């Protein structure tokens, strides 16, 4: 496909200079729109939406500064280059502050003009690409696309939607693999800071002696090996969101510095003296009970209350079984698409297996199980044997082996009905627990939600809660 030439709008009231600009840029392969004053330029801008604008500062009807302002209001991503007379640098500086990306003084060199336009087009490409990616990501993380069939997850998303519009600090709690970072990204992308950066750091993944420099940055010569200045995550998140994952792993020393940064809204790089103001929103996540950590003296109470302005708790997957099958279908489509396989059917026995698992690793464990199954899949169905995770220990010793390596339970030679035995065990547990579902679930090593699913499967009505 032939490459479409970028369109350049030239706004210049001097006929001779306008013709020179047109000749230079036409020879360079650009499409051109020419305007002799600001009013004409604005009309062409609104009609044609050029890729780059080159405008003089001094023009009749609408001057360059007013033109720049109106263009920025209509299309902030369109780069504008201003032309100014030599000795009028003040007007060029004023234009840069108003949003121009570059300025050229008269008389100018041909190469200087071409370089400025090349840079402007590259900036336009990056901005357009970022805008597209943000739109795509926001769509992917919308209320309609995050799996939330269970009432528990619907409540989580409802709360996340409400808090997204504020600037409040949020701490998302939950077991590993429940999707804490997904919720924080959802909050960021639905906030007023969505066009700013989302900077994430896992506090548990970085050694304590390096974490401080990662968060706050350092000056050249601050320590051995600091050959250049480095900005930290707090500075990198300017205008956007800083996500502190596994916040409960911070050491007492780093906790104190994070608290100061939050309270003072400023940071000091390692080896530096100057306080740097920061404009960020802080979102956190933890798989620990921070209240218990505070009571045990492992987490600062003042920092905890600074962070937990708005807590959100994500329940584990075993407590929201309604999400298991929708998540399974989502991951099947994703991984089949990636490797070019047909999306398989899910037999009843596979559904039963998926619903019967405790998923201690939560959504992440389910996701890994589906990815592995898709890779191994040969036929048109997602069979249960593909879902079972191979265990090195089982391969060596055998599952459920006794002292002599024999299975604790042997299937009779004539076979037996697994459904009938499961139904019998459920009825026995309910009877022994006097129809208390919570106690019966504990007796069988199940969650209450999984027990409820199995009771409904066999049409058992226990009567009591």
Protein backbone atom coordinates (compact mmCIF):
# COMPACT_ATOMS: atom_id res chain seq x y z
CA UNK A 1 0.00 0.00 0.00
CA UNK A 2 1.35 3.40 -0.97
CA UNK A 3 2.37 5.69 1.89
CA UNK A 4 0.08 8.70 2.35
CA UNK A 5 2.06 11.96 2.34
CA UNK A 6 1.59 14.04 5.52
CA UNK A 7 -0.30 17.33 5.11
CA UNK A 8 1.38 20.55 6.27
CA UNK A 9 -0.61 23.75 6.83
CA UNK A 10 1.46 26.90 6.20
CA UNK A 11 0.10 30.16 7.63
CA UNK A 12 2.25 33.09 6.40
CA UNK A 13 1.14 36.54 5.30
CA UNK A 14 4.31 37.37 3.31
CA UNK A 15 3.74 36.14 -0.25
CA UNK A 16 7.40 35.57 -1.04
CA UNK A 17 8.12 33.55 2.14
CA UNK A 18 4.91 31.55 1.72
CA UNK A 19 5.99 30.56 -1.82
CA UNK A 20 9.49 29.61 -0.61
CA UNK A 21 8.04 27.43 2.15
CA UNK A 22 5.64 25.82 -0.31
CA UNK A 23 8.44 25.04 -2.77
CA UNK A 24 10.75 23.53 -0.11
CA UNK A 25 8.09 21.34 1.48
CA UNK A 26 6.49 20.30 -1.81
CA UNK A 27 9.90 19.12 -3.06
CA UNK A 28 10.26 17.15 0.19
CA UNK A 29 7.09 15.19 -0.68
CA UNK A 30 4.54 16.82 1.64
CA UNK A 31 0.96 17.78 0.80
CA UNK A 32 0.41 21.48 1.43
CA UNK A 33 -2.37 23.84 2.48
CA UNK A 34 -1.53 27.57 2.22
CA UNK A 35 -3.12 30.44 4.15
CA UNK A 36 -2.29 34.16 3.90
CA UNK A 37 -3.75 35.11 7.27
CA UNK A 38 -4.85 33.56 10.56
CA UNK A 39 -8.56 33.52 9.74
CA UNK A 40 -8.00 31.55 6.53
CA UNK A 41 -5.57 29.23 8.35
CA UNK A 42 -8.15 28.43 11.04
CA UNK A 43 -10.79 27.60 8.41
CA UNK A 44 -8.37 25.25 6.60
CA UNK A 45 -7.34 23.69 9.91
CA UNK A 46 -10.94 22.89 10.84
CA UNK A 47 -11.71 21.49 7.39
CA UNK A 48 -8.56 19.48 6.61
CA UNK A 49 -7.08 18.52 10.02
CA UNK A 50 -3.41 18.74 8.90
CA UNK A 51 -0.64 16.67 10.46
CA UNK A 52 1.59 19.69 11.24
CA UNK A 53 1.07 23.47 11.25
CA UNK A 54 3.80 26.00 10.41
CA UNK A 55 2.66 29.54 11.28
CA UNK A 56 4.07 33.03 11.50
CA UNK A 57 3.55 34.88 14.79
CA UNK A 58 2.61 38.25 13.26
CA UNK A 59 -0.38 37.98 10.89
CA UNK A 60 -3.50 40.03 10.06
CA UNK A 61 -7.07 39.23 11.24
CA UNK A 62 -6.01 36.41 13.61
CA UNK A 63 -2.39 36.50 14.76
CA UNK A 64 -0.21 33.46 15.30
CA UNK A 65 -0.69 33.35 19.09
CA UNK A 66 -4.48 33.42 18.85
CA UNK A 67 -4.35 30.84 16.05
CA UNK A 68 -2.15 28.58 18.20
CA UNK A 69 -4.58 28.84 21.12
CA UNK A 70 -7.61 27.93 19.00
CA UNK A 71 -5.81 25.02 17.34
CA UNK A 72 -4.71 23.64 20.72
CA UNK A 73 -8.31 23.78 21.95
CA UNK A 74 -9.59 21.86 18.91
CA UNK A 75 -6.78 19.34 18.47
CA UNK A 76 -4.14 19.19 21.26
CA UNK A 77 -2.21 16.43 19.50
CA UNK A 78 -1.54 18.48 16.32
CA UNK A 79 2.03 19.88 16.56
CA UNK A 80 2.53 23.57 15.76
CA UNK A 81 5.85 25.18 14.68
CA UNK A 82 6.05 28.97 14.86
CA UNK A 83 8.13 31.29 12.62
CA UNK A 84 9.40 34.47 14.19
CA UNK A 85 11.67 37.32 13.11
CA UNK A 86 15.24 37.29 14.38
CA UNK A 87 15.43 39.29 17.59
CA UNK A 88 11.83 38.46 18.60
CA UNK A 89 12.75 35.50 20.76
CA UNK A 90 10.31 36.71 23.45
CA UNK A 91 7.37 35.92 21.16
CA UNK A 92 8.86 32.49 20.40
CA UNK A 93 9.18 31.72 24.12
CA UNK A 94 5.59 32.86 24.63
CA UNK A 95 4.45 30.56 21.82
CA UNK A 96 6.33 27.60 23.33
CA UNK A 97 4.61 28.19 26.66
CA UNK A 98 1.27 28.27 24.83
CA UNK A 99 1.90 24.83 23.33
CA UNK A 100 4.06 25.23 20.21
CA UNK A 101 6.60 22.40 19.94
CA UNK A 102 9.34 24.35 18.12
CA UNK A 103 10.20 27.76 16.62
CA UNK A 104 12.26 28.89 13.63
CA UNK A 105 13.78 32.36 13.28
CA UNK A 106 13.88 34.30 9.99
CA UNK A 107 15.95 33.89 7.92
CA UNK A 108 16.04 30.10 8.36
CA UNK A 109 18.03 27.24 6.85
CA UNK A 110 16.25 24.66 4.73
CA UNK A 111 17.60 21.75 6.80
CA UNK A 112 16.48 23.40 10.04
CA UNK A 113 12.91 23.60 8.73
CA UNK A 114 12.88 20.01 7.47
CA UNK A 115 14.30 18.69 10.76
CA UNK A 116 11.66 20.58 12.76
CA UNK A 117 8.87 19.08 10.62
CA UNK A 118 10.31 15.55 10.88
CA UNK A 119 10.38 15.87 14.66
CA UNK A 120 6.84 17.25 14.66
CA UNK A 121 5.57 14.33 12.56
CA UNK A 122 7.29 11.82 14.86
CA UNK A 123 5.65 13.49 17.87
CA UNK A 124 2.28 13.36 16.10
CA UNK A 125 2.76 9.66 15.41
CA UNK A 126 3.65 8.90 19.04
CA UNK A 127 0.74 10.93 20.40
CA UNK A 128 -1.73 9.27 18.03
CA UNK A 129 -0.35 5.84 18.89
CA UNK A 130 -0.60 6.53 22.62
CA UNK A 131 -4.14 7.84 22.24
CA UNK A 132 -5.15 4.69 20.36
CA UNK A 133 -3.49 2.39 22.91
CA UNK A 134 -5.11 4.22 25.82
CA UNK A 135 -8.51 4.00 24.15
CA UNK A 136 -8.01 0.31 23.48
CA UNK A 137 -6.81 -0.38 27.02
CA UNK A 138 -9.64 1.63 28.53
CA UNK A 139 -12.09 -0.37 26.43
CA UNK A 140 -10.50 -3.62 27.58
CA UNK A 141 -10.80 -2.50 31.20
CA UNK A 142 -14.34 -1.15 31.01
CA UNK A 143 -17.23 -2.34 33.15
CA UNK A 144 -18.51 -4.33 30.18
CA UNK A 145 -15.27 -6.24 29.57
CA UNK A 146 -14.00 -7.15 33.06
CA UNK A 147 -15.44 -10.51 34.11
CA UNK A 148 -17.82 -9.94 37.01
CA UNK A 149 -20.72 -12.38 37.01
CA UNK A 150 -20.66 -12.75 40.80
CA UNK A 151 -22.31 -10.16 42.99
CA UNK A 152 -19.05 -9.86 44.92
CA UNK A 153 -17.09 -8.71 41.86
CA UNK A 154 -19.92 -6.48 40.68
CA UNK A 155 -19.69 -4.72 44.04
CA UNK A 156 -15.90 -4.35 43.69
CA UNK A 157 -16.25 -2.76 40.24
CA UNK A 158 -19.05 -0.52 41.45
CA UNK A 159 -16.88 0.81 44.27
CA UNK A 160 -13.87 1.16 41.92
CA UNK A 161 -16.00 3.19 39.48
CA UNK A 162 -17.15 5.51 42.26
CA UNK A 163 -13.66 6.16 43.66
CA UNK A 164 -12.06 6.55 40.19
CA UNK A 165 -13.51 10.04 39.85
CA UNK A 166 -11.81 11.29 43.01
CA UNK A 167 -8.13 11.79 43.85
CA UNK A 168 -8.34 9.61 46.98
CA UNK A 169 -5.60 7.14 47.88
CA UNK A 170 -6.89 3.59 47.40
CA UNK A 171 -5.56 0.36 48.84
CA UNK A 172 -6.69 -2.86 47.15
CA UNK A 173 -6.43 -5.97 49.34
CA UNK A 174 -6.77 -9.60 48.40
CA UNK A 175 -4.94 -12.87 47.98
CA UNK A 176 -2.26 -13.23 45.32
CA UNK A 177 -3.72 -13.78 41.88
CA UNK A 178 -7.10 -12.16 42.50
CA UNK A 179 -6.50 -9.27 40.07
CA UNK A 180 -5.49 -6.38 42.33
CA UNK A 181 -3.38 -4.63 39.68
CA UNK A 182 -6.22 -4.99 37.15
CA UNK A 183 -8.53 -3.05 39.48
CA UNK A 184 -5.94 -0.30 40.07
CA UNK A 185 -5.43 0.11 36.31
CA UNK A 186 -9.21 0.26 35.90
CA UNK A 187 -9.32 3.08 38.48
CA UNK A 188 -6.50 4.99 36.73
CA UNK A 189 -8.01 4.66 33.25
CA UNK A 190 -11.38 5.90 34.48
CA UNK A 191 -9.94 8.86 36.39
CA UNK A 192 -9.09 12.44 35.47
CA UNK A 193 -5.43 11.29 35.35
CA UNK A 194 -6.04 8.74 32.60
CA UNK A 195 -3.83 10.69 30.13
CA UNK A 196 -0.95 10.70 32.61
CA UNK A 197 1.43 7.79 33.23
CA UNK A 198 0.58 4.68 35.26
CA UNK A 199 3.83 3.76 37.00
CA UNK A 200 3.89 0.44 38.86
CA UNK A 201 6.50 -0.99 41.21
CA UNK A 202 6.43 -4.28 43.09
CA UNK A 203 7.82 -3.53 46.53
CA UNK A 204 8.42 -7.24 47.22
CA UNK A 205 10.46 -7.84 44.05
CA UNK A 206 13.25 -5.32 44.74
CA UNK A 207 15.85 -5.71 47.49
CA UNK A 208 15.44 -3.17 50.28
CA UNK A 209 18.80 -1.52 49.60
CA UNK A 210 17.72 -0.79 45.99
CA UNK A 211 14.05 0.00 46.57
CA UNK A 212 14.72 3.45 48.00
CA UNK A 213 16.65 4.56 44.92
CA UNK A 214 13.95 3.08 42.65
CA UNK A 215 11.24 5.06 44.43
CA UNK A 216 13.01 8.37 44.97
CA UNK A 217 15.83 8.39 42.40
CA UNK A 218 19.38 9.57 43.00
CA UNK A 219 21.91 12.21 42.02
CA UNK A 220 25.14 11.51 40.24
CA UNK A 221 27.77 10.38 42.74
CA UNK A 222 25.20 9.56 45.45
CA UNK A 223 26.81 6.14 45.85
CA UNK A 224 29.29 3.87 44.09
CA UNK A 225 27.98 3.18 40.62
CA UNK A 226 25.73 6.25 40.44
CA UNK A 227 27.40 7.65 37.33
CA UNK A 228 24.31 9.55 36.17
CA UNK A 229 21.28 11.19 37.72
CA UNK A 230 18.16 9.00 37.84
CA UNK A 231 14.56 9.99 38.49
CA UNK A 232 12.53 7.74 40.79
CA UNK A 233 9.05 6.29 40.40
CA UNK A 234 7.48 9.17 42.34
CA UNK A 235 8.81 11.67 39.77
CA UNK A 236 8.08 9.41 36.79
CA UNK A 237 4.41 9.27 37.80
CA UNK A 238 4.01 13.07 37.63
CA UNK A 239 0.51 13.97 36.49
CA UNK A 240 -0.57 10.34 36.70
CA UNK A 241 -0.75 7.42 39.10
CA UNK A 242 1.88 5.60 41.16
CA UNK A 243 0.93 1.99 41.94
CA UNK A 244 2.76 0.49 44.93
CA UNK A 245 2.19 -3.26 44.71
CA UNK A 246 2.76 -5.41 47.82
CA UNK A 247 3.02 -2.28 49.98
CA UNK A 248 3.15 -4.48 53.08
CA UNK A 249 6.69 -5.56 52.19
CA UNK A 250 8.23 -2.09 52.72
CA UNK A 251 10.92 -1.93 55.40
CA UNK A 252 10.42 0.51 58.33
CA UNK A 253 13.05 2.87 56.86
CA UNK A 254 11.36 3.07 53.44
CA UNK A 255 7.93 3.29 55.09
CA UNK A 256 9.02 6.49 56.84
CA UNK A 257 10.23 8.05 53.59
CA UNK A 258 7.09 7.06 51.68
CA UNK A 259 4.98 8.60 54.44
CA UNK A 260 6.93 11.87 54.20
CA UNK A 261 6.56 11.94 50.40
CA UNK A 262 2.79 11.48 50.71
CA UNK A 263 2.37 14.08 53.44
CA UNK A 264 4.68 16.73 51.97
CA UNK A 265 3.90 15.95 48.31
CA UNK A 266 7.61 16.16 47.58
CA UNK A 267 10.64 13.89 47.32
CA UNK A 268 14.39 14.31 47.69
CA UNK A 269 16.63 12.17 45.50
CA UNK A 270 19.36 10.15 47.20
CA UNK A 271 22.43 12.37 47.45
CA UNK A 272 20.34 15.44 46.67
CA UNK A 273 19.40 18.50 48.72
CA UNK A 274 16.55 19.98 46.69
CA UNK A 275 12.95 18.97 47.45
CA UNK A 276 11.04 18.15 44.24
CA UNK A 277 7.29 18.73 44.23
CA UNK A 278 5.16 15.83 42.99
CA UNK A 279 1.61 15.76 41.62
CA UNK A 280 0.52 12.11 41.69
CA UNK A 281 -2.23 9.83 42.87
CA UNK A 282 -1.19 6.80 44.90
CA UNK A 283 -2.85 3.39 44.57
CA UNK A 284 -1.62 0.42 46.60
CA UNK A 285 -2.17 -3.32 46.81
CA UNK A 286 -1.37 -5.94 49.41
CA UNK A 287 -2.03 -9.60 50.13
CA UNK A 288 -1.38 -9.03 53.83
CA UNK A 289 -3.75 -7.98 56.60
CA UNK A 290 -2.24 -4.53 57.20
CA UNK A 291 -4.25 -3.99 60.38
CA UNK A 292 -2.62 -7.12 61.78
CA UNK A 293 0.77 -5.90 60.53
CA UNK A 294 0.18 -2.61 62.39
CA UNK A 295 -0.73 -4.44 65.60
CA UNK A 296 2.40 -6.58 65.25
CA UNK A 297 4.54 -3.44 64.84
CA UNK A 298 5.67 -4.35 61.32
CA UNK A 299 3.80 -1.55 59.55
CA UNK A 300 3.54 2.08 60.57
CA UNK A 301 0.11 3.02 61.85
CA UNK A 302 0.33 6.59 60.48
CA UNK A 303 1.27 5.30 57.01
CA UNK A 304 -1.54 2.76 57.11
CA UNK A 305 -4.14 5.45 57.78
CA UNK A 306 -2.64 7.64 55.06
CA UNK A 307 -2.94 4.83 52.53
CA UNK A 308 -6.28 3.32 53.53
CA UNK A 309 -8.43 6.35 52.73
CA UNK A 310 -10.51 4.08 50.51
CA UNK A 311 -9.97 0.31 50.93
CA UNK A 312 -11.25 -2.23 48.37
CA UNK A 313 -11.19 -5.96 49.12
CA UNK A 314 -11.22 -8.48 46.25
CA UNK A 315 -12.62 -11.87 47.36
CA UNK A 316 -10.74 -15.05 46.36
CA UNK A 317 -12.03 -16.98 43.36
CA UNK A 318 -13.27 -19.88 45.52
CA UNK A 319 -15.77 -17.48 47.12
CA UNK A 320 -17.20 -16.36 43.78
CA UNK A 321 -17.67 -19.55 41.73
CA UNK A 322 -20.03 -17.72 39.37
CA UNK A 323 -16.92 -16.14 37.79
CA UNK A 324 -15.09 -19.41 37.09
CA UNK A 325 -16.77 -20.39 33.81
CA UNK A 326 -16.88 -16.85 32.32
CA UNK A 327 -13.16 -16.49 33.11
CA UNK A 328 -12.49 -19.91 31.58
CA UNK A 329 -14.25 -18.90 28.37
CA UNK A 330 -12.36 -15.59 28.28
CA UNK A 331 -8.96 -17.29 28.64
CA UNK A 332 -9.88 -19.98 26.09
CA UNK A 333 -10.68 -17.35 23.46
CA UNK A 334 -7.50 -15.40 24.26
CA UNK A 335 -5.05 -18.31 24.09
CA UNK A 336 -6.73 -20.07 21.16
CA UNK A 337 -6.53 -16.78 19.23
CA UNK A 338 -2.85 -16.36 20.09
CA UNK A 339 -1.78 -19.76 18.75
CA UNK A 340 -4.39 -20.10 15.99
CA UNK A 341 -6.51 -22.91 17.44
CA UNK A 342 -10.28 -23.30 17.27
CA UNK A 343 -12.06 -22.42 20.51
CA UNK A 344 -13.06 -25.82 21.99
CA UNK A 345 -16.26 -26.97 23.59
CA UNK A 346 -16.31 -27.53 27.35
CA UNK A 347 -17.81 -30.94 28.29
CA UNK A 348 -19.88 -31.26 31.48
CA UNK A 349 -17.16 -33.26 33.26
CA UNK A 350 -14.66 -30.45 32.59
CA UNK A 351 -17.11 -27.88 33.93
CA UNK A 352 -17.61 -30.02 37.04
CA UNK A 353 -13.84 -30.30 37.49
CA UNK A 354 -13.31 -26.57 37.12
CA UNK A 355 -16.08 -25.79 39.61
CA UNK A 356 -14.80 -28.35 42.13
CA UNK A 357 -11.31 -26.85 42.49
CA UNK A 358 -10.38 -24.51 45.33
CA UNK A 359 -8.12 -22.39 43.07
CA UNK A 360 -5.73 -21.42 45.84
CA UNK A 361 -3.82 -19.37 43.27
CA UNK A 362 -7.06 -17.65 42.28
CA UNK A 363 -7.58 -16.18 38.79
CA UNK A 364 -3.87 -16.48 37.98
CA UNK A 365 -3.93 -20.25 38.66
CA UNK A 366 -7.06 -20.69 36.53
CA UNK A 367 -5.48 -18.66 33.73
CA UNK A 368 -2.31 -20.78 33.81
CA UNK A 369 -4.38 -23.97 33.77
CA UNK A 370 -6.32 -22.86 30.68
CA UNK A 371 -3.18 -21.70 28.86
CA UNK A 372 -1.50 -25.06 29.51
CA UNK A 373 -4.61 -26.96 28.37
CA UNK A 374 -4.86 -24.97 25.12
CA UNK A 375 -1.22 -25.73 24.30
CA UNK A 376 -1.76 -29.47 24.88
CA UNK A 377 -5.20 -29.65 23.25
CA UNK A 378 -5.48 -31.86 20.14
CA UNK A 379 -9.21 -32.33 19.64
CA UNK A 380 -12.28 -30.11 19.65
CA UNK A 381 -13.05 -30.32 23.38
CA UNK A 382 -11.41 -29.07 26.56
CA UNK A 383 -11.20 -32.41 28.34
CA UNK A 384 -10.67 -32.65 32.08
CA UNK A 385 -7.35 -34.49 31.76
CA UNK A 386 -5.86 -31.44 30.03
CA UNK A 387 -6.75 -29.24 32.98
CA UNK A 388 -5.04 -31.28 35.71
CA UNK A 389 -1.68 -29.76 36.54
CA UNK A 390 1.19 -32.29 36.35
CA UNK A 391 2.85 -32.71 39.74
CA UNK A 392 6.53 -33.72 39.94
CA UNK A 393 5.86 -35.21 43.39
CA UNK A 394 2.96 -37.28 42.04
CA UNK A 395 5.16 -38.53 39.22
CA UNK A 396 7.72 -39.82 41.73
CA UNK A 397 5.58 -41.15 44.57
CA UNK A 398 2.08 -41.51 43.10
CA UNK A 399 -0.96 -39.55 44.22
CA UNK A 400 -2.51 -40.62 47.51
CA UNK A 401 0.07 -43.38 48.04
CA UNK A 402 0.16 -45.23 51.33
CA UNK A 403 3.17 -46.54 53.20
CA UNK A 404 3.71 -49.30 50.63
CA UNK A 405 3.04 -47.01 47.67
CA UNK A 406 -0.53 -48.33 47.26
CA UNK A 407 -3.49 -46.01 46.61
CA UNK A 408 -5.58 -45.14 49.66
CA UNK A 409 -8.73 -45.97 47.66
CA UNK A 410 -9.05 -48.50 44.87
CA UNK A 411 -11.77 -48.44 42.21
CA UNK A 412 -13.70 -51.74 42.28
CA UNK A 413 -13.20 -54.00 39.28
CA UNK A 414 -16.85 -53.60 38.35
CA UNK A 415 -16.50 -49.79 38.51
CA UNK A 416 -18.75 -47.39 40.40
CA UNK A 417 -20.79 -44.20 39.91
CA UNK A 418 -18.77 -41.13 40.97
CA UNK A 419 -21.92 -38.97 40.97
CA UNK A 420 -23.77 -41.34 43.29
CA UNK A 421 -20.83 -41.52 45.71
CA UNK A 422 -20.46 -37.73 45.69
CA UNK A 423 -24.19 -37.29 46.34
CA UNK A 424 -24.01 -39.82 49.19
CA UNK A 425 -21.04 -37.99 50.78
CA UNK A 426 -22.85 -34.66 50.51
CA UNK A 427 -25.95 -36.08 52.23
CA UNK A 428 -23.84 -37.70 54.96
CA UNK A 429 -21.97 -34.44 55.63
CA UNK A 430 -25.22 -32.47 55.82
CA UNK A 431 -26.75 -34.99 58.18
CA UNK A 432 -23.67 -35.05 60.43
CA UNK A 433 -23.55 -31.23 60.42
CA UNK A 434 -27.30 -31.10 61.19
CA UNK A 435 -27.84 -29.40 57.83
CA UNK A 436 -25.47 -26.51 58.64
CA UNK A 437 -23.93 -25.78 55.23
CA UNK A 438 -20.89 -23.97 56.62
CA UNK A 439 -20.03 -26.91 58.88
CA UNK A 440 -20.73 -29.45 56.11
CA UNK A 441 -18.48 -27.57 53.71
CA UNK A 442 -15.66 -27.53 56.29
CA UNK A 443 -16.11 -31.25 56.87
CA UNK A 444 -15.66 -31.96 53.14
CA UNK A 445 -12.79 -29.50 52.65
CA UNK A 446 -14.92 -27.28 50.42
CA UNK A 447 -15.82 -23.61 50.45
CA UNK A 448 -19.43 -22.82 51.23
CA UNK A 449 -19.91 -21.52 47.68
CA UNK A 450 -18.59 -24.76 46.15
CA UNK A 451 -20.80 -26.85 48.44
CA UNK A 452 -23.81 -24.79 47.36
CA UNK A 453 -22.95 -25.40 43.70
CA UNK A 454 -22.72 -29.17 44.24
CA UNK A 455 -25.96 -29.30 46.20
CA UNK A 456 -27.72 -27.47 43.35
CA UNK A 457 -26.09 -29.87 40.86
CA UNK A 458 -27.73 -32.87 42.54
CA UNK A 459 -30.96 -31.07 43.45
CA UNK A 460 -30.34 -31.39 47.19
CA UNK A 461 -32.25 -28.96 49.39
CA UNK A 462 -30.79 -28.86 52.90
CA UNK A 463 -33.26 -26.36 54.31
CA UNK A 464 -30.90 -24.63 56.77
CA UNK A 465 -28.25 -22.03 56.02
